[in-house]
Amino acid sequence: MSDLPVPIPADLARLRGSIDNIDAALVYLLAERFKATQQVGVLKATSGMPPSDPGREEQQVARLRHLAHEADLDPIFAEKFLAFIVEEVIRHHEEIAQDHATRS
């Protein structure tokens, strides 16, 4: 066996480059989404609203499943991905609400 690196086919390198670009875009999109949801958390806290909104979450799941189906993405995966994000958003909203309550 040789310890020399195996050359990467050009198609593989191109696809990996695309994946890296998509990953970077996802990180920036998630950052923007969390900036918006942080603002939502502040608005909820100052308005005395609960950190989570099960009705909204249910609507978002249905919407995301529909979008996933249109995009030929596994709707179950899309729902799990959204659930992970929503769980984190709710955690942030709870922290914001708690912080707001201690300041008031």
Protein backbone atom coordinates (compact mmCIF):
# COMPACT_ATOMS: atom_id res chain seq x y z
CA MET A 1 0.00 0.00 0.00
CA SER A 2 1.21 3.44 -0.90
CA ASP A 3 1.11 6.45 1.41
CA LEU A 4 0.82 8.79 -1.56
CA PRO A 5 -2.42 10.77 -1.68
CA VAL A 6 -4.96 9.52 -4.18
CA PRO A 7 -5.83 12.21 -6.71
CA ILE A 8 -9.36 13.49 -6.35
CA PRO A 9 -11.39 13.35 -9.54
CA ALA A 10 -12.31 16.79 -10.89
CA ASP A 11 -16.05 16.07 -10.61
CA LEU A 12 -15.67 15.15 -6.94
CA ALA A 13 -13.65 18.30 -6.23
CA ARG A 14 -16.28 20.42 -8.02
CA LEU A 15 -19.14 18.80 -6.09
CA ARG A 16 -17.30 19.22 -2.79
CA GLY A 17 -16.75 22.89 -3.61
CA SER A 18 -20.48 23.28 -4.25
CA ILE A 19 -21.28 21.53 -0.97
CA ASP A 20 -18.87 23.81 0.90
CA ASN A 21 -20.54 26.88 -0.64
CA ILE A 22 -24.01 25.61 0.25
CA ASP A 23 -22.88 24.87 3.83
CA ALA A 24 -21.54 28.42 4.14
CA ALA A 25 -24.82 29.84 2.81
CA LEU A 26 -26.79 27.71 5.29
CA VAL A 27 -24.72 29.01 8.20
CA TYR A 28 -25.30 32.62 7.16
CA LEU A 29 -29.02 31.99 6.56
CA LEU A 30 -29.36 30.38 9.98
CA ALA A 31 -27.56 33.32 11.56
CA GLU A 32 -30.02 35.72 9.91
CA ARG A 33 -32.95 33.58 10.99
CA PHE A 34 -31.77 33.56 14.60
CA LYS A 35 -31.26 37.33 14.55
CA ALA A 36 -34.92 37.69 13.53
CA THR A 37 -36.14 35.16 16.09
CA GLN A 38 -34.17 36.93 18.83
CA GLN A 39 -36.12 40.08 17.99
CA VAL A 40 -39.34 38.05 18.10
CA GLY A 41 -38.31 36.79 21.55
CA VAL A 42 -37.83 40.35 22.80
CA LEU A 43 -41.21 41.42 21.39
CA LYS A 44 -42.90 38.43 23.01
CA ALA A 45 -41.23 39.12 26.35
CA THR A 46 -42.13 42.80 26.36
CA SER A 47 -45.72 41.96 25.34
CA GLY A 48 -46.12 39.25 27.97
CA MET A 49 -46.54 36.53 25.35
CA PRO A 50 -45.36 32.95 25.98
CA PRO A 51 -42.03 31.85 24.47
CA SER A 52 -43.64 29.20 22.29
CA ASP A 53 -46.63 29.37 19.97
CA PRO A 54 -47.82 25.82 19.24
CA GLY A 55 -50.31 27.02 16.60
CA ARG A 56 -47.62 28.87 14.67
CA GLU A 57 -45.27 25.92 15.02
CA GLU A 58 -47.92 23.57 13.62
CA GLN A 59 -48.47 25.89 10.65
CA GLN A 60 -44.73 26.06 10.02
CA VAL A 61 -44.39 22.28 10.08
CA ALA A 62 -47.18 21.91 7.53
CA ARG A 63 -45.67 24.66 5.38
CA LEU A 64 -42.19 23.16 5.55
CA ARG A 65 -43.46 19.67 4.72
CA HIS A 66 -45.19 21.11 1.65
CA LEU A 67 -42.04 23.00 0.60
CA ALA A 68 -39.93 19.87 1.15
CA HIS A 69 -42.27 17.85 -1.02
CA GLU A 70 -42.07 20.48 -3.79
CA ALA A 71 -38.27 20.54 -3.50
CA ASP A 72 -38.03 16.74 -3.60
CA LEU A 73 -36.62 16.69 -0.07
CA ASP A 74 -37.72 14.09 2.47
CA PRO A 75 -40.51 15.85 4.44
CA ILE A 76 -39.65 13.84 7.56
CA PHE A 77 -36.08 15.13 7.42
CA ALA A 78 -37.36 18.69 6.88
CA GLU A 79 -39.68 18.36 9.87
CA LYS A 80 -36.86 17.06 12.08
CA PHE A 81 -34.63 19.91 10.95
CA LEU A 82 -37.34 22.48 11.73
CA ALA A 83 -38.04 20.84 15.11
CA PHE A 84 -34.37 21.19 16.02
CA ILE A 85 -34.38 24.88 15.06
CA VAL A 86 -37.68 25.61 16.81
CA GLU A 87 -36.46 23.91 19.98
CA GLU A 88 -33.43 26.19 19.99
CA VAL A 89 -35.55 29.27 19.26
CA ILE A 90 -37.90 28.45 22.14
CA ARG A 91 -34.92 28.00 24.45
CA HIS A 92 -33.69 31.46 23.44
CA HIS A 93 -37.17 32.94 23.92
CA GLU A 94 -37.39 31.41 27.40
CA GLU A 95 -34.02 32.95 28.30
CA ILE A 96 -35.12 36.33 26.94
CA ALA A 97 -38.42 36.12 28.87
CA GLN A 98 -36.58 35.19 32.06
CA ASP A 99 -34.09 38.02 31.58
CA HIS A 100 -36.92 40.46 30.91
CA ALA A 101 -38.79 39.30 34.04
CA THR A 102 -35.76 39.84 36.26
CA ARG A 103 -35.28 43.36 34.86
CA SER A 104 -38.91 44.36 35.39
